[in-house]
Amino acid sequence: RVSALAAQRDVDAVRRLVIRLLAGGILLATAGVAVGEMIIPAFIRWYFGAAFLPATPVFRTCLLGAIPYVVYILMRNILDAIDVKAVNSRNLIVSLIVLTVFCVIDSSLMWMSASLVGSLSLLGVLTLRDTYLRLRRESPLTREVTA
């Protein structure tokens, strides 16, 4: 749908679609994370056994990364539809480098889980930034093609 709207240069329709997708996706992800945060101890006890209950904070921290990851998942296809450059690949590589550097700095489990959330947040922010740049009023998508 975004590809068709972009081909028609209907940037306002693309913007409306992006806002609806983001609002709905973030609401659902936040609700899922909230429920997940509450049931993690019971899930760990059921699935892994009581011996793994000390890992609850690690699971909870990692689960927070679901929200920015949902932003990335929702926006990556839109970026692919409106740009031919490998924007998503660049963002993934930057996030992976940041995660790797953080994990080399400190290899404690809580630090690495927080680093995961941080790198996923960076990925979400970079994806939102690139989507915004392509949908702003003076983007190449909004200019008329003269050929």
N, C-alpha and C. Protein backbone atom coordinates (compact mmCIF):
# COMPACT_ATOMS: atom_id res chain seq x y z
N ARG A 1 0.82 -1.20 0.00
CA ARG A 1 0.00 0.00 0.00
C ARG A 1 0.87 1.26 0.00
N VAL A 2 1.92 1.24 0.81
CA VAL A 2 2.80 2.40 0.87
C VAL A 2 3.49 2.61 -0.47
N SER A 3 3.91 1.53 -1.11
CA SER A 3 4.55 1.65 -2.43
C SER A 3 3.63 2.32 -3.42
N ALA A 4 2.37 1.93 -3.43
CA ALA A 4 1.40 2.53 -4.36
C ALA A 4 1.19 4.01 -4.02
N LEU A 5 1.06 4.33 -2.75
CA LEU A 5 0.87 5.72 -2.35
C LEU A 5 2.11 6.56 -2.68
N ALA A 6 3.29 5.98 -2.48
CA ALA A 6 4.52 6.70 -2.80
C ALA A 6 4.65 6.92 -4.30
N ALA A 7 4.25 5.92 -5.09
CA ALA A 7 4.30 6.07 -6.55
C ALA A 7 3.36 7.17 -7.01
N GLN A 8 2.26 7.35 -6.31
CA GLN A 8 1.31 8.41 -6.64
C GLN A 8 1.72 9.75 -6.01
N ARG A 9 2.81 9.73 -5.26
CA ARG A 9 3.32 10.91 -4.55
C ARG A 9 2.31 11.46 -3.55
N ASP A 10 1.52 10.57 -2.97
CA ASP A 10 0.53 10.97 -1.97
C ASP A 10 1.17 10.84 -0.58
N VAL A 11 2.06 11.78 -0.29
CA VAL A 11 2.83 11.74 0.94
C VAL A 11 1.93 11.90 2.16
N ASP A 12 0.90 12.71 2.06
CA ASP A 12 -0.01 12.88 3.20
C ASP A 12 -0.67 11.56 3.58
N ALA A 13 -1.07 10.78 2.59
CA ALA A 13 -1.68 9.47 2.87
C ALA A 13 -0.65 8.53 3.50
N VAL A 14 0.59 8.59 3.02
CA VAL A 14 1.64 7.75 3.61
C VAL A 14 1.86 8.16 5.07
N ARG A 15 1.92 9.47 5.32
CA ARG A 15 2.10 9.95 6.69
C ARG A 15 0.99 9.48 7.60
N ARG A 16 -0.26 9.59 7.12
CA ARG A 16 -1.40 9.14 7.95
C ARG A 16 -1.29 7.65 8.25
N LEU A 17 -0.92 6.87 7.25
CA LEU A 17 -0.77 5.43 7.43
C LEU A 17 0.35 5.12 8.43
N VAL A 18 1.46 5.84 8.31
CA VAL A 18 2.58 5.63 9.22
C VAL A 18 2.17 5.94 10.65
N ILE A 19 1.48 7.04 10.85
CA ILE A 19 1.05 7.43 12.20
C ILE A 19 0.10 6.40 12.79
N ARG A 20 -0.85 5.92 11.98
CA ARG A 20 -1.78 4.90 12.48
C ARG A 20 -1.04 3.61 12.83
N LEU A 21 -0.12 3.20 11.95
CA LEU A 21 0.64 1.98 12.22
C LEU A 21 1.48 2.12 13.49
N LEU A 22 2.16 3.24 13.62
CA LEU A 22 2.99 3.45 14.80
C LEU A 22 2.17 3.50 16.08
N ALA A 23 1.09 4.25 16.05
CA ALA A 23 0.26 4.38 17.25
C ALA A 23 -0.28 3.01 17.68
N GLY A 24 -0.86 2.29 16.75
CA GLY A 24 -1.40 0.97 17.07
C GLY A 24 -0.32 -0.01 17.49
N GLY A 25 0.79 -0.02 16.77
CA GLY A 25 1.87 -0.94 17.09
C GLY A 25 2.49 -0.68 18.44
N ILE A 26 2.74 0.60 18.73
CA ILE A 26 3.34 0.94 20.02
C ILE A 26 2.38 0.63 21.16
N LEU A 27 1.09 0.91 20.97
CA LEU A 27 0.11 0.58 22.01
C LEU A 27 0.07 -0.93 22.28
N LEU A 28 0.01 -1.71 21.22
CA LEU A 28 -0.03 -3.17 21.39
C LEU A 28 1.25 -3.70 22.00
N ALA A 29 2.40 -3.19 21.54
CA ALA A 29 3.67 -3.65 22.09
C ALA A 29 3.80 -3.27 23.56
N THR A 30 3.39 -2.07 23.92
CA THR A 30 3.45 -1.64 25.31
C THR A 30 2.54 -2.50 26.19
N ALA A 31 1.35 -2.78 25.70
CA ALA A 31 0.44 -3.65 26.45
C ALA A 31 1.03 -5.05 26.60
N GLY A 32 1.61 -5.56 25.53
CA GLY A 32 2.23 -6.88 25.59
C GLY A 32 3.40 -6.93 26.56
N VAL A 33 4.22 -5.88 26.54
CA VAL A 33 5.35 -5.82 27.46
C VAL A 33 4.85 -5.71 28.90
N ALA A 34 3.82 -4.92 29.14
CA ALA A 34 3.27 -4.78 30.49
C ALA A 34 2.77 -6.13 31.01
N VAL A 35 2.03 -6.84 30.18
CA VAL A 35 1.55 -8.16 30.58
C VAL A 35 2.72 -9.11 30.78
N GLY A 36 3.66 -9.06 29.85
CA GLY A 36 4.83 -9.92 29.95
C GLY A 36 5.63 -9.68 31.21
N GLU A 37 5.80 -8.41 31.58
CA GLU A 37 6.54 -8.07 32.79
C GLU A 37 5.87 -8.68 34.02
N MET A 38 4.55 -8.73 34.01
CA MET A 38 3.84 -9.29 35.17
C MET A 38 3.91 -10.81 35.22
N ILE A 39 3.89 -11.47 34.07
CA ILE A 39 3.83 -12.94 34.08
C ILE A 39 5.19 -13.61 33.93
N ILE A 40 6.25 -12.84 33.76
CA ILE A 40 7.58 -13.44 33.57
C ILE A 40 7.96 -14.40 34.70
N PRO A 41 7.80 -14.04 35.98
CA PRO A 41 8.20 -15.00 37.03
C PRO A 41 7.45 -16.33 36.93
N ALA A 42 6.16 -16.26 36.68
CA ALA A 42 5.38 -17.50 36.57
C ALA A 42 5.82 -18.30 35.34
N PHE A 43 6.11 -17.60 34.24
CA PHE A 43 6.56 -18.29 33.03
C PHE A 43 7.91 -18.95 33.26
N ILE A 44 8.82 -18.24 33.90
CA ILE A 44 10.15 -18.80 34.15
C ILE A 44 10.04 -20.04 35.04
N ARG A 45 9.23 -19.93 36.08
CA ARG A 45 9.05 -21.08 36.99
C ARG A 45 8.46 -22.27 36.23
N TRP A 46 7.47 -22.02 35.38
CA TRP A 46 6.81 -23.10 34.64
C TRP A 46 7.73 -23.70 33.57
N TYR A 47 8.39 -22.84 32.80
CA TYR A 47 9.15 -23.32 31.65
C TYR A 47 10.56 -23.77 32.01
N PHE A 48 11.27 -23.01 32.82
CA PHE A 48 12.65 -23.31 33.14
C PHE A 48 12.83 -23.98 34.49
N GLY A 49 11.89 -23.76 35.39
CA GLY A 49 12.01 -24.30 36.74
C GLY A 49 12.40 -23.21 37.72
N ALA A 50 12.17 -23.46 38.99
CA ALA A 50 12.40 -22.47 40.03
C ALA A 50 13.87 -22.05 40.13
N ALA A 51 14.78 -22.90 39.69
CA ALA A 51 16.20 -22.56 39.76
C ALA A 51 16.55 -21.35 38.89
N PHE A 52 15.73 -21.04 37.91
CA PHE A 52 16.00 -19.92 37.01
C PHE A 52 15.34 -18.61 37.45
N LEU A 53 14.61 -18.62 38.54
CA LEU A 53 13.96 -17.39 39.00
C LEU A 53 14.91 -16.21 39.24
N PRO A 54 16.17 -16.44 39.65
CA PRO A 54 17.08 -15.29 39.77
C PRO A 54 17.34 -14.57 38.43
N ALA A 55 17.02 -15.19 37.30
CA ALA A 55 17.21 -14.57 36.00
C ALA A 55 16.05 -13.65 35.61
N THR A 56 15.06 -13.52 36.46
CA THR A 56 13.89 -12.69 36.16
C THR A 56 14.26 -11.27 35.75
N PRO A 57 15.17 -10.58 36.44
CA PRO A 57 15.51 -9.22 36.01
C PRO A 57 16.10 -9.16 34.60
N VAL A 58 16.86 -10.17 34.22
CA VAL A 58 17.43 -10.20 32.87
C VAL A 58 16.32 -10.34 31.83
N PHE A 59 15.38 -11.25 32.08
CA PHE A 59 14.24 -11.42 31.18
C PHE A 59 13.43 -10.13 31.07
N ARG A 60 13.19 -9.51 32.22
CA ARG A 60 12.40 -8.27 32.23
C ARG A 60 13.10 -7.16 31.45
N THR A 61 14.38 -7.04 31.63
CA THR A 61 15.14 -6.01 30.91
C THR A 61 15.08 -6.26 29.41
N CYS A 62 15.33 -7.49 29.01
CA CYS A 62 15.31 -7.81 27.57
C CYS A 62 13.93 -7.58 26.96
N LEU A 63 12.89 -7.86 27.72
CA LEU A 63 11.53 -7.68 27.20
C LEU A 63 11.25 -6.22 26.85
N LEU A 64 11.87 -5.28 27.54
CA LEU A 64 11.68 -3.86 27.23
C LEU A 64 12.13 -3.52 25.81
N GLY A 65 13.06 -4.28 25.29
CA GLY A 65 13.53 -4.06 23.92
C GLY A 65 12.48 -4.37 22.86
N ALA A 66 11.39 -5.00 23.25
CA ALA A 66 10.35 -5.33 22.28
C ALA A 66 9.69 -4.07 21.70
N ILE A 67 9.58 -3.03 22.49
CA ILE A 67 8.88 -1.82 22.02
C ILE A 67 9.65 -1.14 20.89
N PRO A 68 10.95 -0.82 21.06
CA PRO A 68 11.65 -0.23 19.92
C PRO A 68 11.81 -1.20 18.75
N TYR A 69 11.86 -2.50 19.04
CA TYR A 69 11.96 -3.47 17.96
C TYR A 69 10.68 -3.48 17.12
N VAL A 70 9.55 -3.32 17.75
CA VAL A 70 8.28 -3.22 17.02
C VAL A 70 8.28 -1.99 16.12
N VAL A 71 8.81 -0.88 16.62
CA VAL A 71 8.93 0.33 15.79
C VAL A 71 9.75 0.03 14.55
N TYR A 72 10.88 -0.64 14.73
CA TYR A 72 11.72 -1.00 13.58
C TYR A 72 10.97 -1.90 12.60
N ILE A 73 10.32 -2.93 13.12
CA ILE A 73 9.61 -3.88 12.26
C ILE A 73 8.52 -3.17 11.46
N LEU A 74 7.78 -2.28 12.11
CA LEU A 74 6.71 -1.57 11.41
C LEU A 74 7.24 -0.61 10.35
N MET A 75 8.35 0.05 10.63
CA MET A 75 8.85 1.09 9.73
C MET A 75 9.80 0.57 8.66
N ARG A 76 10.38 -0.63 8.83
CA ARG A 76 11.36 -1.10 7.85
C ARG A 76 10.74 -1.30 6.47
N ASN A 77 9.54 -1.82 6.42
CA ASN A 77 8.89 -2.04 5.13
C ASN A 77 8.50 -0.72 4.48
N ILE A 78 8.14 0.25 5.29
CA ILE A 78 7.80 1.56 4.75
C ILE A 78 9.05 2.21 4.17
N LEU A 79 10.16 2.10 4.88
CA LEU A 79 11.42 2.63 4.35
C LEU A 79 11.80 1.94 3.04
N ASP A 80 11.62 0.64 3.00
CA ASP A 80 11.93 -0.10 1.77
C ASP A 80 11.03 0.35 0.62
N ALA A 81 9.80 0.71 0.94
CA ALA A 81 8.86 1.10 -0.11
C ALA A 81 9.15 2.50 -0.66
N ILE A 82 9.73 3.37 0.16
CA ILE A 82 9.90 4.75 -0.29
C ILE A 82 11.35 5.10 -0.61
N ASP A 83 12.28 4.18 -0.43
CA ASP A 83 13.68 4.49 -0.72
C ASP A 83 14.36 3.25 -1.28
N VAL A 84 15.22 3.46 -2.27
CA VAL A 84 15.93 2.33 -2.87
C VAL A 84 17.27 2.06 -2.18
N LYS A 85 17.69 2.96 -1.30
CA LYS A 85 18.95 2.77 -0.58
C LYS A 85 18.79 1.72 0.52
N ALA A 86 19.91 1.15 0.93
CA ALA A 86 19.91 0.11 1.98
C ALA A 86 19.90 0.75 3.37
N VAL A 87 18.87 1.53 3.63
CA VAL A 87 18.77 2.26 4.89
C VAL A 87 18.63 1.30 6.07
N ASN A 88 17.79 0.31 5.93
CA ASN A 88 17.59 -0.64 7.03
C ASN A 88 18.87 -1.40 7.34
N SER A 89 19.61 -1.78 6.31
CA SER A 89 20.87 -2.49 6.53
C SER A 89 21.86 -1.63 7.29
N ARG A 90 21.96 -0.36 6.91
CA ARG A 90 22.87 0.55 7.61
C ARG A 90 22.47 0.66 9.08
N ASN A 91 21.19 0.83 9.35
CA ASN A 91 20.72 0.97 10.73
C ASN A 91 20.99 -0.30 11.54
N LEU A 92 20.79 -1.45 10.93
CA LEU A 92 21.07 -2.72 11.61
C LEU A 92 22.56 -2.86 11.92
N ILE A 93 23.40 -2.48 10.99
CA ILE A 93 24.84 -2.59 11.20
C ILE A 93 25.29 -1.65 12.32
N VAL A 94 24.80 -0.42 12.31
CA VAL A 94 25.15 0.53 13.37
C VAL A 94 24.71 -0.01 14.73
N SER A 95 23.51 -0.53 14.81
CA SER A 95 23.00 -1.06 16.09
C SER A 95 23.80 -2.28 16.54
N LEU A 96 24.18 -3.13 15.59
CA LEU A 96 24.98 -4.30 15.94
C LEU A 96 26.36 -3.89 16.44
N ILE A 97 26.97 -2.90 15.80
CA ILE A 97 28.28 -2.42 16.26
C ILE A 97 28.18 -1.86 17.67
N VAL A 98 27.14 -1.06 17.93
CA VAL A 98 26.95 -0.50 19.27
C VAL A 98 26.77 -1.62 20.29
N LEU A 99 25.95 -2.60 19.97
CA LEU A 99 25.74 -3.73 20.89
C LEU A 99 27.05 -4.47 21.14
N THR A 100 27.80 -4.72 20.10
CA THR A 100 29.07 -5.45 20.23
C THR A 100 30.06 -4.68 21.10
N VAL A 101 30.17 -3.38 20.86
CA VAL A 101 31.09 -2.56 21.66
C VAL A 101 30.67 -2.58 23.13
N PHE A 102 29.38 -2.41 23.39
CA PHE A 102 28.90 -2.43 24.78
C PHE A 102 29.18 -3.77 25.44
N CYS A 103 28.98 -4.85 24.71
CA CYS A 103 29.20 -6.18 25.30
C CYS A 103 30.68 -6.48 25.51
N VAL A 104 31.55 -5.85 24.72
CA VAL A 104 32.99 -6.00 24.94
C VAL A 104 33.42 -5.20 26.17
N ILE A 105 32.79 -4.05 26.38
CA ILE A 105 33.11 -3.20 27.54
C ILE A 105 32.86 -3.94 28.84
N ASP A 106 31.73 -4.62 28.92
CA ASP A 106 31.36 -5.34 30.15
C ASP A 106 30.56 -6.57 29.75
N SER A 107 30.96 -7.72 30.25
CA SER A 107 30.27 -8.95 29.86
C SER A 107 29.33 -9.48 30.93
N SER A 108 28.97 -8.63 31.89
CA SER A 108 28.00 -9.10 32.88
C SER A 108 26.62 -9.22 32.22
N LEU A 109 25.85 -10.15 32.72
CA LEU A 109 24.57 -10.46 32.09
C LEU A 109 23.60 -9.28 32.09
N MET A 110 23.52 -8.56 33.19
CA MET A 110 22.61 -7.40 33.25
C MET A 110 23.08 -6.30 32.31
N TRP A 111 24.38 -6.05 32.23
CA TRP A 111 24.92 -5.04 31.33
C TRP A 111 24.60 -5.40 29.88
N MET A 112 24.80 -6.68 29.53
CA MET A 112 24.54 -7.10 28.15
C MET A 112 23.05 -7.01 27.82
N SER A 113 22.17 -7.33 28.78
CA SER A 113 20.74 -7.21 28.49
C SER A 113 20.34 -5.76 28.35
N ALA A 114 20.92 -4.88 29.17
CA ALA A 114 20.65 -3.45 29.02
C ALA A 114 21.23 -2.94 27.71
N SER A 115 22.39 -3.47 27.31
CA SER A 115 22.99 -3.09 26.03
C SER A 115 22.10 -3.51 24.86
N LEU A 116 21.46 -4.68 24.99
CA LEU A 116 20.52 -5.13 23.96
C LEU A 116 19.36 -4.15 23.83
N VAL A 117 18.80 -3.76 24.95
CA VAL A 117 17.69 -2.80 24.93
C VAL A 117 18.16 -1.47 24.34
N GLY A 118 19.36 -1.04 24.71
CA GLY A 118 19.90 0.20 24.17
C GLY A 118 20.12 0.14 22.67
N SER A 119 20.66 -0.96 22.19
CA SER A 119 20.89 -1.06 20.74
C SER A 119 19.58 -1.20 19.98
N LEU A 120 18.59 -1.87 20.55
CA LEU A 120 17.27 -1.94 19.90
C LEU A 120 16.60 -0.57 19.91
N SER A 121 16.81 0.19 20.98
CA SER A 121 16.27 1.56 21.02
C SER A 121 16.94 2.42 19.95
N LEU A 122 18.25 2.27 19.81
CA LEU A 122 18.96 3.00 18.76
C LEU A 122 18.41 2.62 17.39
N LEU A 123 18.19 1.34 17.17
CA LEU A 123 17.63 0.88 15.90
C LEU A 123 16.26 1.50 15.65
N GLY A 124 15.41 1.53 16.66
CA GLY A 124 14.09 2.15 16.52
C GLY A 124 14.18 3.63 16.22
N VAL A 125 15.07 4.33 16.92
CA VAL A 125 15.23 5.77 16.71
C VAL A 125 15.78 6.06 15.32
N LEU A 126 16.79 5.31 14.89
CA LEU A 126 17.34 5.51 13.55
C LEU A 126 16.29 5.26 12.47
N THR A 127 15.48 4.24 12.66
CA THR A 127 14.44 3.92 11.69
C THR A 127 13.38 5.01 11.66
N LEU A 128 12.97 5.49 12.83
CA LEU A 128 12.01 6.60 12.88
C LEU A 128 12.58 7.85 12.22
N ARG A 129 13.85 8.14 12.50
CA ARG A 129 14.49 9.32 11.90
C ARG A 129 14.52 9.22 10.38
N ASP A 130 14.91 8.07 9.87
CA ASP A 130 14.97 7.90 8.42
C ASP A 130 13.59 7.96 7.77
N THR A 131 12.60 7.42 8.44
CA THR A 131 11.23 7.50 7.92
C THR A 131 10.77 8.95 7.91
N TYR A 132 11.03 9.66 8.99
CA TYR A 132 10.66 11.08 9.06
C TYR A 132 11.34 11.88 7.95
N LEU A 133 12.63 11.67 7.76
CA LEU A 133 13.36 12.42 6.74
C LEU A 133 12.80 12.19 5.35
N ARG A 134 12.30 11.01 5.10
CA ARG A 134 11.76 10.70 3.78
C ARG A 134 10.32 11.16 3.60
N LEU A 135 9.65 11.43 4.71
CA LEU A 135 8.24 11.85 4.62
C LEU A 135 8.04 13.33 4.95
N ARG A 136 9.10 14.05 5.22
CA ARG A 136 8.93 15.48 5.51
C ARG A 136 8.54 16.21 4.22
N ARG A 137 8.10 17.40 4.37
CA ARG A 137 7.54 18.15 3.25
C ARG A 137 8.52 18.38 2.11
N GLU A 138 9.81 18.57 2.39
CA GLU A 138 10.73 18.87 1.32
C GLU A 138 11.57 17.66 0.89
N SER A 139 11.07 16.44 1.16
CA SER A 139 11.79 15.24 0.78
C SER A 139 11.69 14.99 -0.72
N PRO A 140 12.59 14.18 -1.29
CA PRO A 140 12.51 13.85 -2.72
C PRO A 140 11.17 13.21 -3.12
N LEU A 141 10.54 12.54 -2.18
CA LEU A 141 9.26 11.91 -2.46
C LEU A 141 8.17 12.94 -2.77
N THR A 142 8.30 14.13 -2.20
CA THR A 142 7.28 15.14 -2.39
C THR A 142 7.53 16.00 -3.62
N ARG A 143 8.71 15.90 -4.22
CA ARG A 143 9.01 16.71 -5.41
C ARG A 143 8.43 16.05 -6.66
N GLU A 144 8.08 16.86 -7.60
CA GLU A 144 7.57 16.36 -8.88
C GLU A 144 8.70 15.76 -9.69
N VAL A 145 8.41 14.70 -10.40
CA VAL A 145 9.39 14.09 -11.29
C VAL A 145 9.30 14.79 -12.64
N THR A 146 10.45 15.27 -13.11
CA THR A 146 10.47 15.91 -14.43
C THR A 146 11.38 15.12 -15.32
N ALA A 147 10.76 14.36 -16.20
CA ALA A 147 11.56 13.55 -17.13
C ALA A 147 10.87 13.46 -18.46
